[in-house]
Amino acid sequence: MELSPKEIERYDRQISISSFGIEAQLKLKRAAVLVAGVGGLGSAAAIYLAAAGVGRLRLVDHGEVELSNLNRQVLYSVEDVGKPKVSAAAKRLRALNPEIEVEAIGERITESNIHGLLKGVDVVVDGQDNFKTRFIINRACVEESKPFVYGAVYGFEGRLMTIIPGKTPCLRCLIPRDPEEPSKVPTIGSLPGLVGSLEALEAIKLITGVGKPFTNKLLIIDGAETAFYIIDVKRDPKCPVCGGK
């Protein structure tokens, strides 16, 4: 597999990074990423993964575009309201980068389908708005040894952590008890854009081996104060998900 002249031109700015180059770009072209939810987080992550040249994106979301989504879900426009998110998202991403493959799956992620959704992907990016589904993804990623980039927002707060099964803490190490789930997640629109962009950056680093993934740490973003905090996170040897691995 080689890069075409058009691809070399398209990705020129990142290929020009001395530590990146053609080889890293080829790794992106060969890779597949599951974007687990294409709301606020997933919109930003998917746009930058598509723009970077990840060869195959698998988008999974069961929802339809609503008017209240448009303050943060930048894949969509007013004309998309009422349409399935994955089909509208796939259309936009294909228009952005015709060189990649975009697979749209209009399903809710469950314990029964998650292993099938993980088949053939290299990295999973969190685009969820609830922890019940995140924990399902986290467990399956540990079982399948798939890296999982966790991202979340609430109000003016954002969070990010990259999980590499067998090497780093998993999401259950960080959050051992099920948190209370709000009926809807309030957020300022630009915050999931910031966190989703960081999730895409983490996925690119994991795929290419360029740079250092954000592991064994939790990034907390205080958008109200424009402050960033890093908390060390350790593996829990008694974690019911990853403790024995």
C-alpha atoms as a PDB file:
ATOM      1  CA  MET A   1       0.000   0.000   0.000  1.00  0.00           C
ATOM      2  CA  GLU A   2       1.366   3.379  -1.028  1.00  0.00           C
ATOM      3  CA  LEU A   3       0.246   6.986  -0.880  1.00  0.00           C
ATOM      4  CA  SER A   4      -1.018   8.539  -4.084  1.00  0.00           C
ATOM      5  CA  PRO A   5       0.305  11.948  -5.200  1.00  0.00           C
ATOM      6  CA  LYS A   6      -3.051  13.439  -4.183  1.00  0.00           C
ATOM      7  CA  GLU A   7      -2.746  11.936  -0.695  1.00  0.00           C
ATOM      8  CA  ILE A   8       0.799  13.226  -0.314  1.00  0.00           C
ATOM      9  CA  GLU A   9      -0.469  16.695  -1.164  1.00  0.00           C
ATOM     10  CA  ARG A  10      -3.511  16.386   1.123  1.00  0.00           C
ATOM     11  CA  TYR A  11      -1.479  15.326   4.165  1.00  0.00           C
ATOM     12  CA  ASP A  12       1.563  17.495   3.408  1.00  0.00           C
ATOM     13  CA  ARG A  13       1.476  19.489   6.662  1.00  0.00           C
ATOM     14  CA  GLN A  14       1.639  16.413   8.895  1.00  0.00           C
ATOM     15  CA  ILE A  15       3.975  14.454   6.637  1.00  0.00           C
ATOM     16  CA  SER A  16       6.305  17.464   6.913  1.00  0.00           C
ATOM     17  CA  ILE A  17       6.714  16.885  10.652  1.00  0.00           C
ATOM     18  CA  SER A  18      10.187  15.363  10.979  1.00  0.00           C
ATOM     19  CA  SER A  19       9.079  12.625  13.390  1.00  0.00           C
ATOM     20  CA  PHE A  20       5.981  11.771  11.312  1.00  0.00           C
ATOM     21  CA  GLY A  21       6.699  11.448   7.598  1.00  0.00           C
ATOM     22  CA  ILE A  22       5.394   9.030   4.984  1.00  0.00           C
ATOM     23  CA  GLU A  23       5.632   5.930   7.198  1.00  0.00           C
ATOM     24  CA  ALA A  24       3.325   7.348   9.871  1.00  0.00           C
ATOM     25  CA  GLN A  25       0.887   8.459   7.183  1.00  0.00           C
ATOM     26  CA  LEU A  26       0.843   4.939   5.764  1.00  0.00           C
ATOM     27  CA  LYS A  27       0.074   3.574   9.229  1.00  0.00           C
ATOM     28  CA  LEU A  28      -2.939   5.882   9.389  1.00  0.00           C
ATOM     29  CA  LYS A  29      -4.075   4.750   5.951  1.00  0.00           C
ATOM     30  CA  ARG A  30      -3.939   1.098   7.029  1.00  0.00           C
ATOM     31  CA  ALA A  31      -5.752   1.733  10.332  1.00  0.00           C
ATOM     32  CA  ALA A  32      -9.374   1.475  11.423  1.00  0.00           C
ATOM     33  CA  VAL A  33     -10.958   3.431  14.278  1.00  0.00           C
ATOM     34  CA  LEU A  34     -14.308   2.885  15.970  1.00  0.00           C
ATOM     35  CA  VAL A  35     -15.952   6.179  16.900  1.00  0.00           C
ATOM     36  CA  ALA A  36     -18.421   5.040  19.543  1.00  0.00           C
ATOM     37  CA  GLY A  37     -21.038   7.765  19.274  1.00  0.00           C
ATOM     38  CA  VAL A  38     -21.107  10.757  16.930  1.00  0.00           C
ATOM     39  CA  GLY A  39     -22.432  13.456  19.228  1.00  0.00           C
ATOM     40  CA  GLY A  40     -20.332  16.348  20.489  1.00  0.00           C
ATOM     41  CA  LEU A  41     -17.198  14.357  21.299  1.00  0.00           C
ATOM     42  CA  GLY A  42     -17.502  11.995  18.364  1.00  0.00           C
ATOM     43  CA  SER A  43     -18.185  14.778  15.868  1.00  0.00           C
ATOM     44  CA  ALA A  44     -14.916  16.554  16.583  1.00  0.00           C
ATOM     45  CA  ALA A  45     -12.927  13.323  16.855  1.00  0.00           C
ATOM     46  CA  ALA A  46     -14.326  11.928  13.609  1.00  0.00           C
ATOM     47  CA  ILE A  47     -13.654  15.125  11.655  1.00  0.00           C
ATOM     48  CA  TYR A  48      -9.996  15.204  12.647  1.00  0.00           C
ATOM     49  CA  LEU A  49      -9.494  11.469  12.188  1.00  0.00           C
ATOM     50  CA  ALA A  50     -10.973  11.721   8.690  1.00  0.00           C
ATOM     51  CA  ALA A  51      -8.914  14.801   7.894  1.00  0.00           C
ATOM     52  CA  ALA A  52      -5.754  13.057   9.145  1.00  0.00           C
ATOM     53  CA  GLY A  53      -6.299  10.152   6.763  1.00  0.00           C
ATOM     54  CA  VAL A  54      -7.327   7.242   8.972  1.00  0.00           C
ATOM     55  CA  GLY A  55      -8.178   4.645   6.357  1.00  0.00           C
ATOM     56  CA  ARG A  56     -11.438   3.361   7.848  1.00  0.00           C
ATOM     57  CA  LEU A  57     -13.805   4.960  10.304  1.00  0.00           C
ATOM     58  CA  ARG A  58     -16.601   2.913  11.847  1.00  0.00           C
ATOM     59  CA  LEU A  59     -19.287   5.230  13.224  1.00  0.00           C
ATOM     60  CA  VAL A  60     -21.807   3.779  15.669  1.00  0.00           C
ATOM     61  CA  ASP A  61     -24.798   5.761  16.947  1.00  0.00           C
ATOM     62  CA  HIS A  62     -28.500   5.007  17.229  1.00  0.00           C
ATOM     63  CA  GLY A  63     -29.759   8.594  17.490  1.00  0.00           C
ATOM     64  CA  GLU A  64     -31.226  11.172  15.143  1.00  0.00           C
ATOM     65  CA  VAL A  65     -30.070  14.768  14.766  1.00  0.00           C
ATOM     66  CA  GLU A  66     -31.998  17.199  16.977  1.00  0.00           C
ATOM     67  CA  LEU A  67     -31.963  20.987  16.913  1.00  0.00           C
ATOM     68  CA  SER A  68     -30.489  21.054  20.434  1.00  0.00           C
ATOM     69  CA  ASN A  69     -27.494  19.041  19.160  1.00  0.00           C
ATOM     70  CA  LEU A  70     -26.273  21.835  16.932  1.00  0.00           C
ATOM     71  CA  ASN A  71     -24.547  23.888  19.636  1.00  0.00           C
ATOM     72  CA  ARG A  72     -21.806  21.234  19.838  1.00  0.00           C
ATOM     73  CA  GLN A  73     -22.237  18.463  17.256  1.00  0.00           C
ATOM     74  CA  VAL A  74     -20.347  20.107  14.434  1.00  0.00           C
ATOM     75  CA  LEU A  75     -20.865  17.337  11.881  1.00  0.00           C
ATOM     76  CA  TYR A  76     -24.471  18.431  11.366  1.00  0.00           C
ATOM     77  CA  SER A  77     -26.493  21.346  10.012  1.00  0.00           C
ATOM     78  CA  VAL A  78     -30.138  22.405  10.266  1.00  0.00           C
ATOM     79  CA  GLU A  79     -30.885  20.370   7.137  1.00  0.00           C
ATOM     80  CA  ASP A  80     -29.863  17.200   9.014  1.00  0.00           C
ATOM     81  CA  VAL A  81     -32.421  17.572  11.828  1.00  0.00           C
ATOM     82  CA  GLY A  82     -34.542  14.410  11.994  1.00  0.00           C
ATOM     83  CA  LYS A  83     -32.013  12.314  10.031  1.00  0.00           C
ATOM     84  CA  PRO A  84     -30.019   9.411  11.517  1.00  0.00           C
ATOM     85  CA  LYS A  85     -26.757  10.760  12.888  1.00  0.00           C
ATOM     86  CA  VAL A  86     -24.543   8.080  11.392  1.00  0.00           C
ATOM     87  CA  SER A  87     -25.809   8.597   7.841  1.00  0.00           C
ATOM     88  CA  ALA A  88     -25.509  12.396   8.053  1.00  0.00           C
ATOM     89  CA  ALA A  89     -22.066  12.087   9.663  1.00  0.00           C
ATOM     90  CA  ALA A  90     -20.828   9.590   7.090  1.00  0.00           C
ATOM     91  CA  LYS A  91     -21.961  11.825   4.222  1.00  0.00           C
ATOM     92  CA  ARG A  92     -20.117  14.825   5.681  1.00  0.00           C
ATOM     93  CA  LEU A  93     -16.914  12.865   6.359  1.00  0.00           C
ATOM     94  CA  ARG A  94     -16.859  11.319   2.890  1.00  0.00           C
ATOM     95  CA  ALA A  95     -17.188  14.801   1.425  1.00  0.00           C
ATOM     96  CA  LEU A  96     -14.326  15.992   3.624  1.00  0.00           C
ATOM     97  CA  ASN A  97     -12.046  13.126   2.595  1.00  0.00           C
ATOM     98  CA  PRO A  98     -13.059  10.844  -0.292  1.00  0.00           C
ATOM     99  CA  GLU A  99      -9.808   8.901   0.172  1.00  0.00           C
ATOM    100  CA  ILE A 100     -11.095   7.087   3.282  1.00  0.00           C
ATOM    101  CA  GLU A 101     -13.798   4.508   3.976  1.00  0.00           C
ATOM    102  CA  VAL A 102     -16.615   5.457   6.353  1.00  0.00           C
ATOM    103  CA  GLU A 103     -18.862   2.744   7.759  1.00  0.00           C
ATOM    104  CA  ALA A 104     -22.136   3.910   9.334  1.00  0.00           C
ATOM    105  CA  ILE A 105     -23.840   1.613  11.861  1.00  0.00           C
ATOM    106  CA  GLY A 106     -27.116   2.849  13.297  1.00  0.00           C
ATOM    107  CA  GLU A 107     -27.213   0.754  16.470  1.00  0.00           C
ATOM    108  CA  ARG A 108     -27.158   1.251  20.213  1.00  0.00           C
ATOM    109  CA  ILE A 109     -23.977  -0.207  21.726  1.00  0.00           C
ATOM    110  CA  THR A 110     -24.809  -3.158  23.988  1.00  0.00           C
ATOM    111  CA  GLU A 111     -23.054  -6.077  25.623  1.00  0.00           C
ATOM    112  CA  SER A 112     -24.376  -8.312  22.847  1.00  0.00           C
ATOM    113  CA  ASN A 113     -23.016  -6.347  19.880  1.00  0.00           C
ATOM    114  CA  ILE A 114     -19.885  -4.636  21.200  1.00  0.00           C
ATOM    115  CA  HIS A 115     -17.474  -7.464  20.354  1.00  0.00           C
ATOM    116  CA  GLY A 116     -18.699  -7.505  16.768  1.00  0.00           C
ATOM    117  CA  LEU A 117     -18.287  -3.733  16.542  1.00  0.00           C
ATOM    118  CA  LEU A 118     -14.688  -4.033  17.753  1.00  0.00           C
ATOM    119  CA  LYS A 119     -13.772  -6.587  15.105  1.00  0.00           C
ATOM    120  CA  GLY A 120     -11.078  -5.277  12.786  1.00  0.00           C
ATOM    121  CA  VAL A 121     -10.507  -1.915  14.496  1.00  0.00           C
ATOM    122  CA  ASP A 122      -7.242  -0.708  15.990  1.00  0.00           C
ATOM    123  CA  VAL A 123      -8.461   1.988  18.409  1.00  0.00           C
ATOM    124  CA  VAL A 124     -11.775   2.943  20.006  1.00  0.00           C
ATOM    125  CA  VAL A 125     -12.673   6.584  20.593  1.00  0.00           C
ATOM    126  CA  ASP A 126     -15.276   7.437  23.228  1.00  0.00           C
ATOM    127  CA  GLY A 127     -18.139   9.568  21.946  1.00  0.00           C
ATOM    128  CA  GLN A 128     -20.656   8.568  24.616  1.00  0.00           C
ATOM    129  CA  ASP A 129     -22.812  10.682  26.905  1.00  0.00           C
ATOM    130  CA  ASN A 130     -23.359   8.003  29.567  1.00  0.00           C
ATOM    131  CA  PHE A 131     -21.174   5.756  31.712  1.00  0.00           C
ATOM    132  CA  LYS A 132     -23.266   2.615  31.363  1.00  0.00           C
ATOM    133  CA  THR A 133     -22.231   2.337  27.711  1.00  0.00           C
ATOM    134  CA  ARG A 134     -18.678   3.489  28.431  1.00  0.00           C
ATOM    135  CA  PHE A 135     -18.271   0.636  30.910  1.00  0.00           C
ATOM    136  CA  ILE A 136     -19.531  -1.847  28.308  1.00  0.00           C
ATOM    137  CA  ILE A 137     -16.959  -0.537  25.834  1.00  0.00           C
ATOM    138  CA  ASN A 138     -14.208  -0.487  28.465  1.00  0.00           C
ATOM    139  CA  ARG A 139     -14.744  -4.123  29.440  1.00  0.00           C
ATOM    140  CA  ALA A 140     -14.846  -5.295  25.834  1.00  0.00           C
ATOM    141  CA  CYS A 141     -11.710  -3.321  24.980  1.00  0.00           C
ATOM    142  CA  VAL A 142      -9.885  -4.947  27.899  1.00  0.00           C
ATOM    143  CA  GLU A 143     -11.068  -8.382  26.804  1.00  0.00           C
ATOM    144  CA  GLU A 144     -10.102  -7.723  23.174  1.00  0.00           C
ATOM    145  CA  SER A 145      -6.878  -5.807  24.017  1.00  0.00           C
ATOM    146  CA  LYS A 146      -8.033  -2.749  22.069  1.00  0.00           C
ATOM    147  CA  PRO A 147      -6.816   0.729  23.113  1.00  0.00           C
ATOM    148  CA  PHE A 148      -9.685   2.922  24.323  1.00  0.00           C
ATOM    149  CA  VAL A 149      -9.511   6.727  24.397  1.00  0.00           C
ATOM    150  CA  TYR A 150     -11.895   7.952  27.114  1.00  0.00           C
ATOM    151  CA  GLY A 151     -13.337  11.440  26.914  1.00  0.00           C
ATOM    152  CA  ALA A 152     -16.183  13.125  28.771  1.00  0.00           C
ATOM    153  CA  VAL A 153     -17.707  16.550  29.361  1.00  0.00           C
ATOM    154  CA  TYR A 154     -20.092  18.065  31.868  1.00  0.00           C
ATOM    155  CA  GLY A 155     -20.848  21.777  32.095  1.00  0.00           C
ATOM    156  CA  PHE A 156     -17.477  23.519  31.771  1.00  0.00           C
ATOM    157  CA  GLU A 157     -15.457  20.412  32.703  1.00  0.00           C
ATOM    158  CA  GLY A 158     -13.769  18.016  30.294  1.00  0.00           C
ATOM    159  CA  ARG A 159     -11.853  14.790  30.909  1.00  0.00           C
ATOM    160  CA  LEU A 160      -9.436  12.674  28.920  1.00  0.00           C
ATOM    161  CA  MET A 161      -7.560   9.413  29.548  1.00  0.00           C
ATOM    162  CA  THR A 162      -6.017   6.866  27.191  1.00  0.00           C
ATOM    163  CA  ILE A 163      -6.384   3.217  28.167  1.00  0.00           C
ATOM    164  CA  ILE A 164      -4.090   0.475  26.851  1.00  0.00           C
ATOM    165  CA  PRO A 165      -5.293  -2.891  28.187  1.00  0.00           C
ATOM    166  CA  GLY A 166      -2.677  -4.820  30.138  1.00  0.00           C
ATOM    167  CA  LYS A 167      -0.460  -1.754  30.480  1.00  0.00           C
ATOM    168  CA  THR A 168      -2.539   1.050  32.001  1.00  0.00           C
ATOM    169  CA  PRO A 169      -5.498   1.537  34.343  1.00  0.00           C
ATOM    170  CA  CYS A 170      -8.860   0.944  32.732  1.00  0.00           C
ATOM    171  CA  LEU A 171     -11.968   3.070  33.167  1.00  0.00           C
ATOM    172  CA  ARG A 172     -13.140   0.923  36.102  1.00  0.00           C
ATOM    173  CA  CYS A 173      -9.867   1.577  37.905  1.00  0.00           C
ATOM    174  CA  LEU A 174     -10.657   5.275  37.610  1.00  0.00           C
ATOM    175  CA  ILE A 175     -14.392   5.008  38.364  1.00  0.00           C
ATOM    176  CA  PRO A 176     -15.041   1.881  40.476  1.00  0.00           C
ATOM    177  CA  ARG A 177     -18.689   2.719  41.247  1.00  0.00           C
ATOM    178  CA  ASP A 178     -21.415   3.554  38.768  1.00  0.00           C
ATOM    179  CA  PRO A 179     -21.925   7.336  38.862  1.00  0.00           C
ATOM    180  CA  GLU A 180     -25.355   8.910  38.847  1.00  0.00           C
ATOM    181  CA  GLU A 181     -26.442   9.489  35.259  1.00  0.00           C
ATOM    182  CA  PRO A 182     -28.117  12.849  34.452  1.00  0.00           C
ATOM    183  CA  SER A 183     -31.144  12.852  32.174  1.00  0.00           C
ATOM    184  CA  LYS A 184     -29.131  15.053  29.818  1.00  0.00           C
ATOM    185  CA  VAL A 185     -25.531  16.260  29.908  1.00  0.00           C
ATOM    186  CA  PRO A 186     -25.230  20.068  30.030  1.00  0.00           C
ATOM    187  CA  THR A 187     -22.168  21.497  28.302  1.00  0.00           C
ATOM    188  CA  ILE A 188     -20.811  24.588  26.649  1.00  0.00           C
ATOM    189  CA  GLY A 189     -20.586  23.754  22.950  1.00  0.00           C
ATOM    190  CA  SER A 190     -16.875  24.273  22.356  1.00  0.00           C
ATOM    191  CA  LEU A 191     -15.758  21.990  25.199  1.00  0.00           C
ATOM    192  CA  PRO A 192     -16.622  18.648  23.539  1.00  0.00           C
ATOM    193  CA  GLY A 193     -14.883  20.030  20.458  1.00  0.00           C
ATOM    194  CA  LEU A 194     -11.720  20.481  22.504  1.00  0.00           C
ATOM    195  CA  VAL A 195     -11.910  17.069  24.170  1.00  0.00           C
ATOM    196  CA  GLY A 196     -12.877  15.311  20.939  1.00  0.00           C
ATOM    197  CA  SER A 197      -9.922  16.888  19.150  1.00  0.00           C
ATOM    198  CA  LEU A 198      -7.620  15.617  21.900  1.00  0.00           C
ATOM    199  CA  GLU A 199      -9.170  12.155  21.554  1.00  0.00           C
ATOM    200  CA  ALA A 200      -8.352  12.209  17.831  1.00  0.00           C
ATOM    201  CA  LEU A 201      -4.784  13.253  18.644  1.00  0.00           C
ATOM    202  CA  GLU A 202      -4.454  10.346  21.077  1.00  0.00           C
ATOM    203  CA  ALA A 203      -5.762   7.881  18.484  1.00  0.00           C
ATOM    204  CA  ILE A 204      -3.303   9.203  15.896  1.00  0.00           C
ATOM    205  CA  LYS A 205      -0.395   8.788  18.335  1.00  0.00           C
ATOM    206  CA  LEU A 206      -1.484   5.247  19.201  1.00  0.00           C
ATOM    207  CA  ILE A 207      -1.727   4.261  15.536  1.00  0.00           C
ATOM    208  CA  THR A 208       1.486   5.846  14.320  1.00  0.00           C
ATOM    209  CA  GLY A 209       3.701   5.388  17.374  1.00  0.00           C
ATOM    210  CA  VAL A 210       4.666   9.058  17.076  1.00  0.00           C
ATOM    211  CA  GLY A 211       4.557  10.967  20.347  1.00  0.00           C
ATOM    212  CA  LYS A 212       3.614   9.709  23.786  1.00  0.00           C
ATOM    213  CA  PRO A 213      -0.007   8.673  24.528  1.00  0.00           C
ATOM    214  CA  PHE A 214      -1.664  10.234  27.570  1.00  0.00           C
ATOM    215  CA  THR A 215      -1.661   7.104  29.752  1.00  0.00           C
ATOM    216  CA  ASN A 216      -1.706   6.502  33.520  1.00  0.00           C
ATOM    217  CA  LYS A 217      -3.060  10.017  33.951  1.00  0.00           C
ATOM    218  CA  LEU A 218      -6.387  11.825  33.862  1.00  0.00           C
ATOM    219  CA  LEU A 219      -6.588  15.248  32.242  1.00  0.00           C
ATOM    220  CA  ILE A 220      -9.217  17.518  33.752  1.00  0.00           C
ATOM    221  CA  ILE A 221     -10.082  20.678  31.821  1.00  0.00           C
ATOM    222  CA  ASP A 222     -11.720  23.539  33.712  1.00  0.00           C
ATOM    223  CA  GLY A 223     -13.171  25.543  30.860  1.00  0.00           C
ATOM    224  CA  ALA A 224     -14.569  28.245  33.135  1.00  0.00           C
ATOM    225  CA  GLU A 225     -11.077  29.110  34.391  1.00  0.00           C
ATOM    226  CA  THR A 226      -9.126  27.892  31.337  1.00  0.00           C
ATOM    227  CA  ALA A 227      -7.127  25.631  33.637  1.00  0.00           C
ATOM    228  CA  PHE A 228      -5.742  22.154  33.009  1.00  0.00           C
ATOM    229  CA  TYR A 229      -5.050  19.615  35.745  1.00  0.00           C
ATOM    230  CA  ILE A 230      -3.308  16.242  35.508  1.00  0.00           C
ATOM    231  CA  ILE A 231      -3.986  13.517  38.063  1.00  0.00           C
ATOM    232  CA  ASP A 232      -1.930  10.328  38.228  1.00  0.00           C
ATOM    233  CA  VAL A 233      -4.056   7.174  37.962  1.00  0.00           C
ATOM    234  CA  LYS A 234      -2.832   3.748  39.036  1.00  0.00           C
ATOM    235  CA  ARG A 235      -4.078   0.304  38.123  1.00  0.00           C
ATOM    236  CA  ASP A 236      -6.282  -1.294  40.738  1.00  0.00           C
ATOM    237  CA  PRO A 237      -5.077  -4.891  41.292  1.00  0.00           C
ATOM    238  CA  LYS A 238      -8.587  -5.715  42.490  1.00  0.00           C
ATOM    239  CA  CYS A 239     -10.338  -4.108  39.511  1.00  0.00           C
ATOM    240  CA  PRO A 240     -13.102  -6.493  38.399  1.00  0.00           C
ATOM    241  CA  VAL A 241     -12.372  -5.652  34.745  1.00  0.00           C
ATOM    242  CA  CYS A 242      -8.584  -5.469  34.352  1.00  0.00           C
ATOM    243  CA  GLY A 243      -7.150  -6.482  37.737  1.00  0.00           C
ATOM    244  CA  GLY A 244      -6.180  -9.959  36.620  1.00  0.00           C
ATOM    245  CA  LYS A 245      -4.539  -8.926  33.355  1.00  0.00           C
END
